[in-house]
Protein backbone atom coordinates (compact mmCIF):
# COMPACT_ATOMS: atom_id res chain seq x y z
CA UNK A 1 -11.28 -12.81 48.89
CA UNK A 2 -8.87 -10.03 49.84
CA UNK A 3 -5.95 -12.13 48.54
CA UNK A 4 -7.71 -12.65 45.20
CA UNK A 5 -8.36 -8.93 44.87
CA UNK A 6 -4.72 -8.19 45.70
CA UNK A 7 -3.50 -10.61 43.03
CA UNK A 8 -5.94 -9.11 40.54
CA UNK A 9 -4.75 -5.51 41.15
CA UNK A 10 -1.10 -6.55 41.09
CA UNK A 11 -1.69 -8.23 37.72
CA UNK A 12 -3.33 -5.11 36.36
CA UNK A 13 -0.47 -3.02 37.63
CA UNK A 14 2.09 -5.34 35.96
CA UNK A 15 0.45 -5.17 32.54
CA UNK A 16 -0.10 -1.41 32.83
CA UNK A 17 3.57 -0.80 33.58
CA UNK A 18 4.98 -3.27 31.07
CA UNK A 19 6.40 -1.44 28.07
CA UNK A 20 5.94 -2.80 24.58
CA UNK A 21 9.07 -3.88 22.72
CA UNK A 22 10.48 -1.22 20.38
CA UNK A 23 9.75 -1.85 16.70
CA UNK A 24 12.41 -3.69 14.73
CA UNK A 25 13.99 -1.41 12.15
CA UNK A 26 14.22 -3.14 8.74
CA UNK A 27 17.55 -3.31 6.90
CA UNK A 28 18.41 -0.71 4.30
CA UNK A 29 19.65 -1.79 0.88
CA UNK A 30 23.36 -2.33 0.35
CA UNK A 31 25.40 -0.22 -2.08
CA UNK A 32 27.43 -2.31 -4.51
CA UNK A 33 31.11 -1.60 -5.04
CA UNK A 34 32.94 -4.34 -7.02
CA UNK A 35 32.91 -5.68 -9.71
CA UNK A 36 32.07 -2.38 -11.40
CA UNK A 37 28.76 -2.11 -13.23
CA UNK A 38 28.75 -2.84 -16.99
CA UNK A 39 32.51 -3.38 -17.03
CA UNK A 40 35.02 -6.19 -17.50
CA UNK A 41 35.95 -7.65 -14.10
CA UNK A 42 39.51 -6.61 -13.25
CA UNK A 43 39.66 -7.75 -9.62
CA UNK A 44 39.54 -11.50 -10.27
CA UNK A 45 42.13 -14.22 -9.72
CA UNK A 46 42.74 -16.75 -12.49
CA UNK A 47 42.09 -20.26 -11.15
CA UNK A 48 42.32 -22.14 -14.45
CA UNK A 49 41.74 -21.70 -18.19
CA UNK A 50 37.99 -21.79 -17.55
CA UNK A 51 37.54 -20.52 -13.98
CA UNK A 52 38.14 -17.16 -12.30
CA UNK A 53 37.80 -16.29 -8.61
CA UNK A 54 35.82 -13.03 -8.53
CA UNK A 55 35.77 -10.86 -5.40
CA UNK A 56 32.47 -9.09 -4.72
CA UNK A 57 32.37 -6.08 -2.39
CA UNK A 58 29.55 -3.88 -1.08
CA UNK A 59 28.93 -1.28 1.62
CA UNK A 60 27.18 -2.09 4.90
CA UNK A 61 23.42 -1.81 5.27
CA UNK A 62 21.89 -0.26 8.35
CA UNK A 63 20.19 -2.77 10.69
CA UNK A 64 21.57 -5.78 8.76
CA UNK A 65 23.68 -8.57 10.26
CA UNK A 66 23.96 -10.84 7.21
CA UNK A 67 23.96 -10.58 3.45
CA UNK A 68 22.93 -12.96 0.67
CA UNK A 69 24.72 -12.50 -2.65
CA UNK A 70 22.94 -13.72 -5.77
CA UNK A 71 24.94 -14.14 -8.99
CA UNK A 72 23.39 -15.12 -12.33
CA UNK A 73 25.17 -16.32 -15.47
CA UNK A 74 23.31 -14.34 -18.15
CA UNK A 75 24.09 -16.91 -20.85
CA UNK A 76 23.13 -20.14 -19.08
CA UNK A 77 20.69 -18.71 -16.53
CA UNK A 78 22.46 -20.60 -13.72
CA UNK A 79 22.27 -18.85 -10.33
CA UNK A 80 24.63 -18.98 -7.34
CA UNK A 81 23.66 -17.76 -3.85
CA UNK A 82 25.89 -17.42 -0.81
CA UNK A 83 25.31 -15.92 2.64
CA UNK A 84 27.93 -14.06 4.66
CA UNK A 85 28.14 -11.74 7.65
CA UNK A 86 30.95 -9.79 5.98
CA UNK A 87 31.03 -7.18 3.25
CA UNK A 88 32.78 -9.22 0.58
CA UNK A 89 32.87 -12.70 -0.90
CA UNK A 90 35.12 -14.43 -3.43
CA UNK A 91 33.32 -16.89 -5.69
CA UNK A 92 34.64 -19.03 -8.55
CA UNK A 93 32.89 -18.30 -11.85
CA UNK A 94 33.24 -19.39 -15.45
CA UNK A 95 35.49 -17.19 -17.56
CA UNK A 96 34.39 -15.43 -20.73
CA UNK A 97 30.78 -15.04 -19.55
CA UNK A 98 28.40 -12.19 -18.61
CA UNK A 99 26.95 -12.05 -15.10
CA UNK A 100 24.54 -10.04 -12.98
CA UNK A 101 24.57 -9.77 -9.20
CA UNK A 102 22.75 -8.20 -6.27
CA UNK A 103 22.79 -8.25 -2.46
CA UNK A 104 19.89 -9.02 -0.12
CA UNK A 105 20.38 -7.47 3.33
CA UNK A 106 18.91 -9.44 6.24
CA UNK A 107 18.46 -9.10 9.99
CA UNK A 108 18.16 -11.84 12.59
CA UNK A 109 15.73 -9.58 14.50
CA UNK A 110 13.02 -9.64 11.87
CA UNK A 111 11.85 -11.05 8.55
CA UNK A 112 12.15 -7.85 6.52
CA UNK A 113 14.88 -7.71 3.88
CA UNK A 114 16.23 -5.12 1.43
CA UNK A 115 17.51 -5.77 -2.08
CA UNK A 116 20.28 -3.74 -3.69
CA UNK A 117 20.42 -2.56 -7.28
CA UNK A 118 21.43 -5.22 -9.81
CA UNK A 119 24.79 -4.77 -11.52
CA UNK A 120 26.28 -6.58 -14.52
CA UNK A 121 29.87 -7.43 -15.39
CA UNK A 122 31.87 -9.61 -17.76
CA UNK A 123 34.28 -12.31 -16.60
CA UNK A 124 37.10 -12.22 -19.19
CA UNK A 125 38.56 -15.28 -20.90
CA UNK A 126 42.03 -15.88 -22.24
CA UNK A 127 43.33 -13.19 -24.60
CA UNK A 128 39.88 -11.67 -25.03
CA UNK A 129 39.99 -8.73 -27.43
CA UNK A 130 36.25 -8.04 -27.55
CA UNK A 131 33.18 -9.01 -25.56
CA UNK A 132 29.69 -10.00 -26.60
CA UNK A 133 26.94 -7.60 -25.47
CA UNK A 134 25.02 -8.35 -22.30
CA UNK A 135 21.66 -10.00 -23.05
CA UNK A 136 19.09 -7.23 -23.47
CA UNK A 137 17.15 -6.30 -20.33
CA UNK A 138 13.45 -6.44 -21.19
CA UNK A 139 11.68 -3.37 -19.79
CA UNK A 140 8.18 -3.60 -21.27
CA UNK A 141 6.13 -5.70 -21.59
CA UNK A 142 7.76 -7.77 -18.86
CA UNK A 143 7.34 -11.50 -18.42
CA UNK A 144 3.78 -12.62 -17.73
CA UNK A 145 2.06 -9.22 -17.63
CA UNK A 146 -1.25 -8.20 -19.19
CA UNK A 147 -1.20 -5.11 -21.38
CA UNK A 148 -3.95 -2.91 -22.72
CA UNK A 149 -3.21 -1.94 -26.34
CA UNK A 150 -3.99 1.60 -27.47
CA UNK A 151 -5.60 1.53 -30.88
CA UNK A 152 -4.42 -2.05 -31.34
CA UNK A 153 -0.77 -1.01 -30.83
CA UNK A 154 1.84 -1.54 -28.12
CA UNK A 155 5.47 -0.51 -27.57
CA UNK A 156 8.35 -2.94 -27.08
CA UNK A 157 11.03 -1.48 -24.81
CA UNK A 158 14.38 -2.91 -23.68
CA UNK A 159 17.84 -1.87 -22.52
CA UNK A 160 21.15 -2.95 -24.06
CA UNK A 161 24.64 -2.79 -22.52
CA UNK A 162 28.09 -3.78 -23.72
CA UNK A 163 31.42 -3.44 -21.92
CA UNK A 164 33.00 -2.37 -25.23
CA UNK A 165 30.28 0.28 -25.71
CA UNK A 166 29.88 -0.74 -29.36
CA UNK A 167 26.31 -2.02 -29.72
CA UNK A 168 25.33 -1.51 -33.35
CA UNK A 169 21.73 -2.77 -33.58
CA UNK A 170 19.05 -5.21 -32.44
CA UNK A 171 16.90 -7.89 -34.05
CA UNK A 172 13.41 -8.19 -32.56
CA UNK A 173 11.49 -11.46 -32.76
CA UNK A 174 7.76 -11.34 -32.10
CA UNK A 175 4.73 -13.59 -32.56
CA UNK A 176 2.05 -15.83 -31.07
CA UNK A 177 4.20 -18.97 -30.81
CA UNK A 178 7.11 -19.70 -28.46
CA UNK A 179 9.43 -19.64 -31.50
CA UNK A 180 8.55 -16.18 -32.85
CA UNK A 181 9.59 -14.96 -36.27
CA UNK A 182 11.70 -11.88 -36.78
CA UNK A 183 9.67 -8.67 -36.66
CA UNK A 184 12.40 -6.06 -37.20
CA UNK A 185 16.06 -6.56 -38.11
CA UNK A 186 18.80 -4.00 -37.56
CA UNK A 187 16.81 -1.82 -35.17
CA UNK A 188 19.14 0.92 -33.91
CA UNK A 189 17.05 2.30 -31.04
CA UNK A 190 16.25 0.15 -28.01
CA UNK A 191 12.53 0.73 -28.41
CA UNK A 192 10.03 -0.27 -31.09
CA UNK A 193 6.76 1.65 -31.27
CA UNK A 194 3.41 0.87 -32.90
CA UNK A 195 3.60 -2.93 -32.83
CA UNK A 196 0.22 -4.32 -33.92
CA UNK A 197 -1.46 -6.84 -31.59
CA UNK A 198 -4.86 -8.48 -31.25
CA UNK A 199 -7.01 -8.43 -28.10
CA UNK A 200 -7.15 -11.45 -25.77
CA UNK A 201 -4.02 -13.01 -27.24
CA UNK A 202 -0.71 -14.40 -26.03
CA UNK A 203 2.53 -13.01 -27.49
CA UNK A 204 6.16 -14.08 -27.31
CA UNK A 205 9.17 -11.90 -28.01
CA UNK A 206 12.92 -11.63 -27.65
CA UNK A 207 15.79 -9.32 -28.59
CA UNK A 208 19.12 -10.24 -30.19
CA UNK A 209 21.78 -7.61 -29.45
CA UNK A 210 24.63 -7.17 -31.95
CA UNK A 211 27.88 -5.22 -31.58
CA UNK A 212 30.17 -3.71 -34.18
CA UNK A 213 32.35 -6.85 -34.30
CA UNK A 214 29.39 -9.16 -35.00
CA UNK A 215 29.14 -10.56 -31.46
CA UNK A 216 25.55 -11.24 -30.39
CA UNK A 217 23.55 -12.05 -27.27
CA UNK A 218 20.02 -13.38 -26.78
CA UNK A 219 17.57 -11.95 -24.21
CA UNK A 220 15.62 -15.19 -24.08
CA UNK A 221 11.89 -15.53 -24.76
CA UNK A 222 9.42 -13.31 -22.88
CA UNK A 223 5.65 -13.81 -22.91
CA UNK A 224 2.80 -11.35 -22.26
CA UNK A 225 -0.96 -11.20 -22.72
CA UNK A 226 -3.32 -8.60 -24.20
CA UNK A 227 -6.67 -7.51 -22.80
């Protein structure tokens, strides 16, 4: 009996003295460096007439021991991901195409991650004198959301960028089918107010961005729902 009591008190003493593990600090988000945001990539190596090796660089995240780079071709929608323990990666990409990219910081000590800002750049082609605008970034309504119209009206909001800084206007397509008709052509501002909608309906919309040289880009179709 005395031995059992001794074991019992020793066990209590062990658990009382055992310290809990310190909390795992999550990674902080990386700061992007190259290629520069909304610019033509100038740090690439020409591989062929159609391929360029682009070097991506970013600053270290606190508490991270690996990084996942995600690159998206904004024309085709194709995505490339690659993981590295370093602070740069060189990846072959198609020339004469717009891209976006971001970094996900990870830690082997926990499941938490941190995502950097998303930057865009243009991979130049042969003897390129002008560049098409980046596809418009849809701000509101975003894909798949439900909106509550005010007085039967909503606002369409987007953001346009162009490495040549010569966006001239936008065409907005809007309707209740997945092939919407044009709602407003030659819109100068990147926002369209007082768009009439019905309650409990599904709407599709997209933005065509046009620059001063006639180059265009397509945001792709976005869908949202009304209450």
